[in-house]
Amino acid sequence: MNRKEIDEIYVDVILENKDEYYEDYLKIKERVKNSKATYKGEPVPFLYMPKFYTDEDIDNFRDLSSTMNRIFNKVIDRFLNNEDYRFKFGFPNWLNELILLPKQYDSNFPMARFDIFYDYDGEFKFCEINTDGTSAMNEERELSRIFMESKGVESFKNHFDFKPFELFETWIDEVLNIYIENHSNSNPSIAIVDFVSKSSMDEFVEFRDRFRRRGLWCEIISPDELECKEGYIYYKDEKIDIVYRRLVTKDLMDNKYKVESFIEGIKAGNTTIIGPIKSQIIHNKIIFKILHDEDTLKFLDEVERDFIKKHIPYTKELILETLDLEDIIKNKNNYIIKPMDLYASKGVYAGKEYSKEDWETHIRECNNSNYLIQEYFDPPETDMIDFDEDNIIKSFKNITGLYIYNENFYGVYSRVGKNAIISGIHDGYTLPTFNIRK
């Protein structure tokens, strides 16, 4: 049975007794409101319908992430060893110095989330790569936990065997696996590092408490509270063995002078930084443009070149002198513009959401300002339950996030929306996600 048929069965189950399930939906809303399913302190919006992925889908996710990992490692290797290639990324010299530091362990990007548009037939297109402060594991965990006790899911268990993904213990296992590659210490101290004002605190607390349950010292610490002593990063009198870096590189760059001692500790190289500043090479959205460059394609093999041409949206820097403005305005529905290094969909504009006049205004305002213009890809759509509408069956656009820990696939983060851009600030919804077992 394919995934589309599975979704249709779930919808039929709910419609058979929609009044009863609507009452359950209201109870679930209250449970979510009082749970840790939050983003920036607010409960995440959701629909009364999970996303279900089959074992075949999971195999697809493993295959595509493996190919993408292979491509990224080749790109990172070229960046590290070729100064001309490095210049294409436009990073400041001081950041390049951090990127070029010796590797502390095998993986160049120990945590990542690959966001893709994934259709029922297994076809897909990449949306963006997140290897820097990758988040939302707690949203997924809490929603899946709550929904496993919902009436809709309980009824669906009569039809299928399924389970949620585990995204916390698996990450802790991989953090410790990475550390013991080069250390014999079995009791490392761990700092989860980010500016508290920018943090997903419920998620950080969940990770902290799970590290502690393993008998490990762990604290959530702002980078400006850390200092470098004796070649190690310290928090007060505690020597830190592992920094789980949730501080995104953009925030590091914007606060360089506030965190100089933390940067000194990174350079010293004795505290293990998970993940390394090297991850910025593929996190910055300029990577989509660089993947299509001829001097990138020529050091990839034929399978990898075909993969990029088919699955990576064509991307250019938004510099009007090098572009056909008339075409961009006339065919606005074919384009989207994005800042190279912001997150949470900030500063993203899809042409189809604007009049030609407003679209041209955005284009000119973002011209030559570290923006990219990209082929717009219509996300695949799914009929879903929406109890907040009179007609409860609505079509939603889908985006699928693949969690990659230590370059291994571990789970899925699902979002849907009605707008051209799918995210929280664009009225998007987070859905619990389950693996339908054979």
Protein backbone atom coordinates (compact mmCIF):
# COMPACT_ATOMS: atom_id res chain seq x y z
CA MET A 1 0.00 0.00 0.00
CA ASN A 2 1.38 3.41 -0.90
CA ARG A 3 1.47 6.54 1.26
CA LYS A 4 -1.37 8.28 -0.57
CA GLU A 5 -3.69 5.35 0.14
CA ILE A 6 -2.61 5.38 3.79
CA ASP A 7 -3.49 9.09 4.10
CA GLU A 8 -6.88 8.47 2.48
CA ILE A 9 -7.64 5.71 5.00
CA TYR A 10 -6.82 8.07 7.89
CA VAL A 11 -9.11 10.76 6.46
CA ASP A 12 -11.92 8.20 6.03
CA VAL A 13 -11.50 7.05 9.65
CA ILE A 14 -11.90 10.63 10.92
CA LEU A 15 -14.85 11.44 8.65
CA GLU A 16 -16.75 8.39 9.87
CA ASN A 17 -17.26 10.11 13.22
CA LYS A 18 -15.97 13.65 12.79
CA ASP A 19 -17.90 15.12 15.75
CA GLU A 20 -16.21 12.73 18.18
CA TYR A 21 -12.80 13.38 16.66
CA TYR A 22 -13.39 17.13 16.70
CA GLU A 23 -13.93 16.93 20.45
CA ASP A 24 -10.69 14.99 20.70
CA TYR A 25 -8.95 17.64 18.59
CA LEU A 26 -9.97 20.30 21.13
CA LYS A 27 -8.52 18.17 23.93
CA ILE A 28 -5.30 17.69 21.95
CA LYS A 29 -5.06 21.46 21.43
CA GLU A 30 -5.22 21.93 25.18
CA ARG A 31 -2.59 19.24 25.77
CA VAL A 32 -0.27 20.84 23.20
CA LYS A 33 -0.83 24.25 24.80
CA ASN A 34 0.31 22.83 28.15
CA SER A 35 3.18 20.77 26.70
CA LYS A 36 6.74 21.47 25.65
CA ALA A 37 5.74 21.51 21.97
CA THR A 38 6.79 25.14 21.70
CA TYR A 39 8.75 27.46 19.48
CA LYS A 40 10.01 30.73 20.99
CA GLY A 41 7.72 30.13 23.95
CA GLU A 42 4.52 29.63 21.92
CA PRO A 43 2.69 26.33 21.30
CA VAL A 44 3.28 25.08 17.78
CA PRO A 45 0.25 25.10 15.47
CA PHE A 46 -0.75 21.66 14.19
CA LEU A 47 -3.45 19.75 12.32
CA TYR A 48 -5.40 16.72 13.50
CA MET A 49 -3.55 14.53 11.04
CA PRO A 50 -0.05 13.04 11.28
CA LYS A 51 2.35 12.41 8.42
CA PHE A 52 2.96 8.74 7.71
CA TYR A 53 6.06 7.44 5.92
CA THR A 54 6.53 3.86 4.81
CA ASP A 55 9.68 1.75 4.99
CA GLU A 56 10.10 2.44 1.27
CA ASP A 57 10.12 6.17 2.01
CA ILE A 58 12.71 5.62 4.74
CA ASP A 59 14.92 3.76 2.26
CA ASN A 60 14.54 6.71 -0.14
CA PHE A 61 15.54 9.14 2.60
CA ARG A 62 18.64 7.09 3.44
CA ASP A 63 19.65 6.88 -0.22
CA LEU A 64 19.21 10.56 -1.03
CA SER A 65 20.91 11.73 2.17
CA SER A 66 23.82 9.38 1.49
CA THR A 67 24.29 10.87 -1.99
CA MET A 68 24.01 14.40 -0.61
CA ASN A 69 26.53 13.62 2.15
CA ARG A 70 28.99 12.36 -0.44
CA ILE A 71 28.61 15.52 -2.55
CA PHE A 72 28.94 17.80 0.48
CA ASN A 73 32.09 16.09 1.69
CA LYS A 74 33.69 16.56 -1.73
CA VAL A 75 32.71 20.25 -1.71
CA ILE A 76 34.09 20.74 1.81
CA ASP A 77 37.32 19.00 0.86
CA ARG A 78 37.71 21.31 -2.16
CA PHE A 79 37.02 24.36 0.03
CA LEU A 80 39.69 23.29 2.53
CA ASN A 81 42.33 22.60 -0.09
CA ASN A 82 41.73 25.15 -2.84
CA GLU A 83 41.99 28.87 -2.12
CA ASP A 84 40.37 29.90 -5.42
CA TYR A 85 37.37 27.68 -4.72
CA ARG A 86 37.17 29.05 -1.17
CA PHE A 87 36.86 32.58 -2.55
CA LYS A 88 33.52 31.69 -4.19
CA PHE A 89 31.82 31.51 -0.78
CA GLY A 90 32.72 35.06 0.22
CA PHE A 91 33.33 34.34 3.91
CA PRO A 92 35.44 36.82 5.92
CA ASN A 93 39.05 35.81 6.51
CA TRP A 94 38.63 35.35 10.27
CA LEU A 95 35.75 32.91 9.67
CA ASN A 96 37.82 31.01 7.09
CA GLU A 97 40.48 30.61 9.77
CA LEU A 98 37.95 28.82 11.98
CA ILE A 99 36.72 26.69 9.08
CA LEU A 100 40.29 25.67 8.22
CA LEU A 101 41.11 24.46 11.74
CA PRO A 102 42.19 20.79 11.88
CA LYS A 103 39.36 18.27 12.07
CA GLN A 104 38.60 16.93 15.54
CA TYR A 105 36.66 13.89 14.29
CA ASP A 106 35.60 12.28 11.02
CA SER A 107 32.33 14.06 10.19
CA ASN A 108 32.36 17.54 8.66
CA PHE A 109 28.72 18.15 9.66
CA PRO A 110 27.70 15.96 12.61
CA MET A 111 24.15 17.30 12.75
CA ALA A 112 22.05 18.37 9.78
CA ARG A 113 18.48 18.66 8.62
CA PHE A 114 17.93 18.38 4.89
CA ASP A 115 14.61 20.06 4.02
CA ILE A 116 13.08 18.64 0.87
CA PHE A 117 9.84 18.76 -1.08
CA TYR A 118 8.92 15.07 -1.18
CA ASP A 119 5.99 13.81 -3.23
CA TYR A 120 3.88 10.66 -3.01
CA ASP A 121 5.76 9.08 -5.91
CA GLY A 122 9.15 9.53 -4.23
CA GLU A 123 10.22 12.46 -6.41
CA PHE A 124 11.86 15.28 -4.49
CA LYS A 125 13.53 18.67 -4.68
CA PHE A 126 15.76 20.23 -2.04
CA CYS A 127 14.54 23.37 -0.29
CA GLU A 128 17.45 24.14 2.03
CA ILE A 129 20.24 22.64 4.09
CA ASN A 130 20.47 23.22 7.83
CA THR A 131 23.72 22.17 9.49
CA ASP A 132 23.97 25.05 11.95
CA GLY A 133 21.84 25.06 15.09
CA THR A 134 19.55 22.38 13.65
CA SER A 135 16.34 22.39 15.70
CA ALA A 136 12.68 21.32 16.10
CA MET A 137 13.38 17.83 17.44
CA ASN A 138 11.35 18.69 20.52
CA GLU A 139 8.34 19.87 18.51
CA GLU A 140 8.34 16.55 16.69
CA ARG A 141 8.84 14.50 19.88
CA GLU A 142 6.09 16.22 21.87
CA LEU A 143 3.50 16.20 19.08
CA SER A 144 4.14 12.54 18.30
CA ARG A 145 3.92 11.63 21.99
CA ILE A 146 0.61 13.46 22.42
CA PHE A 147 -0.87 12.12 19.18
CA MET A 148 -0.03 8.52 20.05
CA GLU A 149 -2.74 8.87 22.70
CA SER A 150 -5.26 10.66 20.46
CA LYS A 151 -8.51 8.94 19.47
CA GLY A 152 -7.71 9.34 15.77
CA VAL A 153 -4.37 7.58 16.05
CA GLU A 154 -5.80 4.94 18.42
CA SER A 155 -8.42 4.11 15.78
CA PHE A 156 -5.78 4.07 13.06
CA LYS A 157 -3.81 1.46 15.00
CA ASN A 158 -6.54 -1.00 13.97
CA HIS A 159 -5.31 -0.62 10.38
CA PHE A 160 -1.52 -0.21 10.65
CA ASP A 161 1.51 -0.76 12.86
CA PHE A 162 3.53 2.43 13.20
CA LYS A 163 5.91 4.22 15.55
CA PRO A 164 7.40 7.70 16.03
CA PHE A 165 11.03 8.53 15.33
CA GLU A 166 13.50 8.84 18.22
CA LEU A 167 15.56 12.02 17.88
CA PHE A 168 17.07 12.59 21.34
CA GLU A 169 18.77 9.43 22.59
CA THR A 170 20.05 8.76 19.08
CA TRP A 171 21.73 12.20 19.01
CA ILE A 172 23.26 11.69 22.46
CA ASP A 173 24.62 8.33 21.27
CA GLU A 174 26.19 10.00 18.23
CA VAL A 175 27.66 12.87 20.28
CA LEU A 176 29.42 10.32 22.48
CA ASN A 177 30.43 8.22 19.45
CA ILE A 178 32.03 11.32 17.91
CA TYR A 179 33.85 12.19 21.12
CA ILE A 180 35.31 8.73 21.70
CA GLU A 181 36.81 8.69 18.20
CA ASN A 182 39.82 10.45 19.74
CA HIS A 183 39.27 10.36 23.53
CA SER A 184 39.36 7.66 26.18
CA ASN A 185 37.43 9.74 28.72
CA SER A 186 34.04 8.06 29.18
CA ASN A 187 32.61 10.83 31.37
CA PRO A 188 32.90 14.07 29.35
CA SER A 189 31.42 17.40 30.47
CA ILE A 190 29.05 18.96 27.95
CA ALA A 191 27.96 22.54 27.29
CA ILE A 192 24.92 23.23 25.11
CA VAL A 193 25.91 26.63 23.73
CA ASP A 194 23.67 29.37 22.36
CA PHE A 195 22.50 32.84 23.29
CA VAL A 196 19.60 32.20 25.65
CA SER A 197 17.53 34.97 24.06
CA LYS A 198 17.64 33.07 20.75
CA SER A 199 17.28 29.60 22.21
CA SER A 200 14.62 26.91 21.99
CA MET A 201 14.85 26.43 25.75
CA ASP A 202 12.40 23.54 26.08
CA GLU A 203 14.46 21.61 23.55
CA PHE A 204 17.76 22.51 25.23
CA VAL A 205 16.41 21.46 28.63
CA GLU A 206 15.28 18.12 27.19
CA PHE A 207 18.76 17.45 25.78
CA ARG A 208 20.45 18.66 28.99
CA ASP A 209 18.34 16.40 31.20
CA ARG A 210 18.95 13.39 29.00
CA PHE A 211 22.72 13.96 29.08
CA ARG A 212 22.47 14.23 32.85
CA ARG A 213 20.51 10.97 33.07
CA ARG A 214 23.55 9.36 31.44
CA GLY A 215 25.55 10.56 34.46
CA LEU A 216 27.22 13.40 32.54
CA TRP A 217 27.78 17.02 33.59
CA CYS A 218 25.75 19.21 31.23
CA GLU A 219 24.67 22.85 31.27
CA ILE A 220 23.01 25.29 28.86
CA ILE A 221 25.46 28.16 28.52
CA SER A 222 25.62 31.41 26.59
CA PRO A 223 28.84 31.74 24.53
CA ASP A 224 29.71 35.04 26.22
CA GLU A 225 29.87 33.18 29.57
CA LEU A 226 32.66 30.90 28.33
CA GLU A 227 36.36 31.56 28.50
CA CYS A 228 39.52 29.94 27.26
CA LYS A 229 41.97 28.74 29.91
CA GLU A 230 44.88 26.34 29.52
CA GLY A 231 43.78 25.62 25.96
CA TYR A 232 40.30 24.47 26.99
CA ILE A 233 36.91 26.14 27.07
CA TYR A 234 35.77 26.72 30.64
CA TYR A 235 32.49 27.67 32.29
CA LYS A 236 33.46 29.16 35.65
CA ASP A 237 35.66 26.40 37.16
CA GLU A 238 34.32 23.59 34.95
CA LYS A 239 36.51 22.44 32.09
CA ILE A 240 34.30 21.68 29.07
CA ASP A 241 35.10 18.54 27.08
CA ILE A 242 32.29 18.88 24.51
CA VAL A 243 30.50 21.93 23.15
CA TYR A 244 27.21 20.97 21.51
CA ARG A 245 27.07 24.10 19.36
CA ARG A 246 23.57 25.35 18.78
CA LEU A 247 24.90 28.88 18.22
CA VAL A 248 24.42 29.51 14.51
CA THR A 249 27.44 30.91 12.69
CA LYS A 250 25.52 34.04 11.68
CA ASP A 251 24.96 34.87 15.36
CA LEU A 252 28.62 34.09 16.06
CA MET A 253 29.62 36.51 13.32
CA ASP A 254 27.23 39.22 14.50
CA ASN A 255 28.54 38.94 18.08
CA LYS A 256 32.21 38.30 17.33
CA TYR A 257 33.53 40.82 19.85
CA LYS A 258 31.27 39.55 22.65
CA VAL A 259 32.52 35.97 22.34
CA GLU A 260 36.24 36.41 21.70
CA SER A 261 37.23 34.02 24.49
CA PHE A 262 34.88 31.35 23.12
CA ILE A 263 36.45 31.80 19.67
CA GLU A 264 39.90 31.51 21.25
CA GLY A 265 38.78 28.23 22.82
CA ILE A 266 37.59 26.94 19.44
CA LYS A 267 41.00 27.79 17.96
CA ALA A 268 42.85 26.06 20.80
CA GLY A 269 41.30 22.80 19.62
CA ASN A 270 41.21 20.87 22.91
CA THR A 271 37.49 21.14 23.60
CA THR A 272 35.55 19.09 21.03
CA ILE A 273 33.15 21.35 19.10
CA ILE A 274 30.10 19.46 17.80
CA GLY A 275 29.41 20.87 15.15
CA PRO A 276 32.42 22.54 13.72
CA ILE A 277 32.45 25.91 11.97
CA LYS A 278 33.15 23.89 8.79
CA SER A 279 29.42 23.22 8.62
CA GLN A 280 28.94 26.82 7.44
CA ILE A 281 30.30 25.76 4.03
CA ILE A 282 27.10 23.86 3.28
CA HIS A 283 24.74 25.71 5.63
CA ASN A 284 25.03 29.04 3.85
CA LYS A 285 22.49 29.08 1.02
CA ILE A 286 25.20 30.11 -1.47
CA ILE A 287 25.90 26.36 -1.59
CA PHE A 288 22.94 25.88 -3.96
CA LYS A 289 24.49 28.28 -6.45
CA ILE A 290 27.95 26.75 -6.05
CA LEU A 291 26.68 23.20 -6.57
CA HIS A 292 25.57 24.21 -10.08
CA ASP A 293 28.89 25.89 -10.94
CA GLU A 294 30.90 24.11 -13.62
CA ASP A 295 34.01 23.95 -11.45
CA THR A 296 31.97 22.05 -8.84
CA LEU A 297 30.32 19.69 -11.30
CA LYS A 298 33.64 18.73 -12.84
CA PHE A 299 35.02 17.14 -9.64
CA LEU A 300 31.82 15.16 -9.02
CA ASP A 301 30.99 11.85 -10.66
CA GLU A 302 28.20 11.39 -13.19
CA VAL A 303 25.64 10.16 -10.63
CA GLU A 304 26.32 13.18 -8.40
CA ARG A 305 26.11 15.64 -11.30
CA ASP A 306 22.76 14.20 -12.37
CA PHE A 307 21.54 14.33 -8.77
CA ILE A 308 22.31 18.07 -8.54
CA LYS A 309 20.72 18.90 -11.88
CA LYS A 310 17.56 17.01 -10.98
CA HIS A 311 17.14 17.77 -7.29
CA ILE A 312 18.87 21.08 -6.47
CA PRO A 313 16.92 24.18 -7.63
CA TYR A 314 18.92 26.37 -9.99
CA THR A 315 20.26 29.35 -8.04
CA LYS A 316 22.14 32.59 -8.76
CA GLU A 317 23.29 35.55 -6.73
CA LEU A 318 20.81 38.43 -6.84
CA ILE A 319 22.97 40.95 -8.69
CA LEU A 320 20.80 42.64 -11.29
CA GLU A 321 23.67 43.52 -13.61
CA THR A 322 24.11 39.78 -14.21
CA LEU A 323 20.39 38.92 -14.53
CA ASP A 324 17.47 39.48 -16.88
CA LEU A 325 15.23 41.74 -14.77
CA GLU A 326 12.47 41.77 -17.37
CA ASP A 327 12.20 37.98 -17.26
CA ILE A 328 12.30 37.94 -13.44
CA ILE A 329 9.39 40.40 -13.26
CA LYS A 330 7.36 38.92 -16.12
CA ASN A 331 7.75 35.35 -14.86
CA LYS A 332 7.68 36.16 -11.15
CA ASN A 333 5.84 32.92 -10.26
CA ASN A 334 8.95 30.99 -11.30
CA TYR A 335 11.24 32.66 -8.76
CA ILE A 336 11.92 32.97 -5.05
CA ILE A 337 14.55 35.14 -3.36
CA LYS A 338 16.34 34.26 -0.12
CA PRO A 339 19.04 35.80 2.06
CA MET A 340 22.22 33.75 2.03
CA ASP A 341 22.46 33.35 5.79
CA LEU A 342 19.28 33.98 7.75
CA TYR A 343 17.08 31.29 9.27
CA ALA A 344 13.41 30.52 10.07
CA SER A 345 12.37 31.80 6.59
CA LYS A 346 13.26 35.39 7.49
CA GLY A 347 13.59 37.67 4.46
CA VAL A 348 12.29 35.06 1.99
CA TYR A 349 9.99 36.27 -0.81
CA ALA A 350 8.17 34.08 -3.35
CA GLY A 351 7.20 35.91 -6.54
CA LYS A 352 3.79 34.26 -6.79
CA GLU A 353 2.69 35.96 -3.56
CA TYR A 354 3.21 39.51 -4.87
CA SER A 355 1.98 41.83 -7.57
CA LYS A 356 4.55 42.62 -10.27
CA GLU A 357 5.07 46.07 -8.73
CA ASP A 358 5.69 44.75 -5.20
CA TRP A 359 7.85 41.92 -6.52
CA GLU A 360 10.05 44.39 -8.41
CA THR A 361 10.34 46.47 -5.24
CA HIS A 362 11.61 43.45 -3.29
CA ILE A 363 14.00 42.53 -6.09
CA ARG A 364 15.52 46.00 -6.17
CA GLU A 365 15.68 46.29 -2.38
CA CYS A 366 17.52 42.97 -2.11
CA ASN A 367 19.80 43.59 -5.09
CA ASN A 368 23.49 43.08 -4.31
CA SER A 369 22.69 42.53 -0.61
CA ASN A 370 23.78 38.92 -0.04
CA TYR A 371 20.58 37.57 -1.56
CA LEU A 372 20.01 34.67 -3.92
CA ILE A 373 17.38 34.24 -6.62
CA GLN A 374 16.25 30.69 -7.10
CA GLU A 375 13.96 28.57 -9.22
CA TYR A 376 10.64 28.34 -7.35
CA PHE A 377 9.40 24.80 -6.94
CA ASP A 378 5.72 24.22 -6.18
CA PRO A 379 5.62 22.00 -3.08
CA PRO A 380 3.65 18.78 -3.38
CA GLU A 381 0.14 19.01 -1.92
CA THR A 382 -1.83 16.70 0.32
CA ASP A 383 -5.49 16.63 1.37
CA MET A 384 -5.55 16.93 5.15
CA ILE A 385 -7.92 17.29 8.09
CA ASP A 386 -8.35 20.93 9.18
CA PHE A 387 -10.94 21.19 11.93
CA ASP A 388 -10.58 24.98 12.01
CA GLU A 389 -12.28 25.26 8.61
CA ASP A 390 -15.95 24.62 7.72
CA ASN A 391 -14.87 22.31 4.93
CA ILE A 392 -12.52 20.18 6.99
CA ILE A 393 -10.68 18.61 4.04
CA LYS A 394 -8.15 21.11 2.75
CA SER A 395 -5.15 20.90 0.45
CA PHE A 396 -1.81 21.72 2.09
CA LYS A 397 1.69 22.16 0.68
CA ASN A 398 4.29 19.86 2.24
CA ILE A 399 7.91 20.13 3.31
CA THR A 400 9.85 17.23 4.82
CA GLY A 401 12.91 17.66 7.05
CA LEU A 402 15.38 14.76 7.27
CA TYR A 403 17.48 14.62 10.44
CA ILE A 404 21.03 13.49 9.73
CA TYR A 405 23.17 12.69 12.80
CA ASN A 406 26.85 11.92 12.23
CA GLU A 407 25.89 11.56 8.55
CA ASN A 408 23.26 8.88 9.27
CA PHE A 409 19.51 9.33 8.73
CA TYR A 410 17.48 9.16 11.96
CA GLY A 411 14.10 10.79 11.55
CA VAL A 412 11.67 13.23 9.96
CA TYR A 413 10.24 16.66 10.74
CA SER A 414 7.00 17.42 8.88
CA ARG A 415 5.43 20.80 8.14
CA VAL A 416 2.56 21.90 5.93
CA GLY A 417 1.07 25.23 4.91
CA LYS A 418 -1.29 26.94 2.50
CA ASN A 419 1.14 29.65 1.37
CA ALA A 420 4.03 29.55 -1.10
CA ILE A 421 6.51 29.50 1.80
CA ILE A 422 6.01 26.81 4.46
CA SER A 423 7.13 27.96 7.91
CA GLY A 424 5.86 29.21 11.23
CA ILE A 425 6.06 32.88 10.27
CA HIS A 426 4.06 32.07 7.11
CA ASP A 427 1.16 30.40 8.96
CA GLY A 428 2.59 26.91 8.67
CA TYR A 429 1.74 23.86 10.78
CA THR A 430 3.95 21.20 12.38
CA LEU A 431 2.70 17.62 12.20
CA PRO A 432 3.59 14.53 14.22
CA THR A 433 5.40 12.01 12.05
CA PHE A 434 5.22 8.23 12.11
CA ASN A 435 6.90 5.35 10.35
CA ILE A 436 4.37 2.83 9.01
CA ARG A 437 5.94 -0.59 9.43
CA LYS A 438 5.60 -3.43 6.96
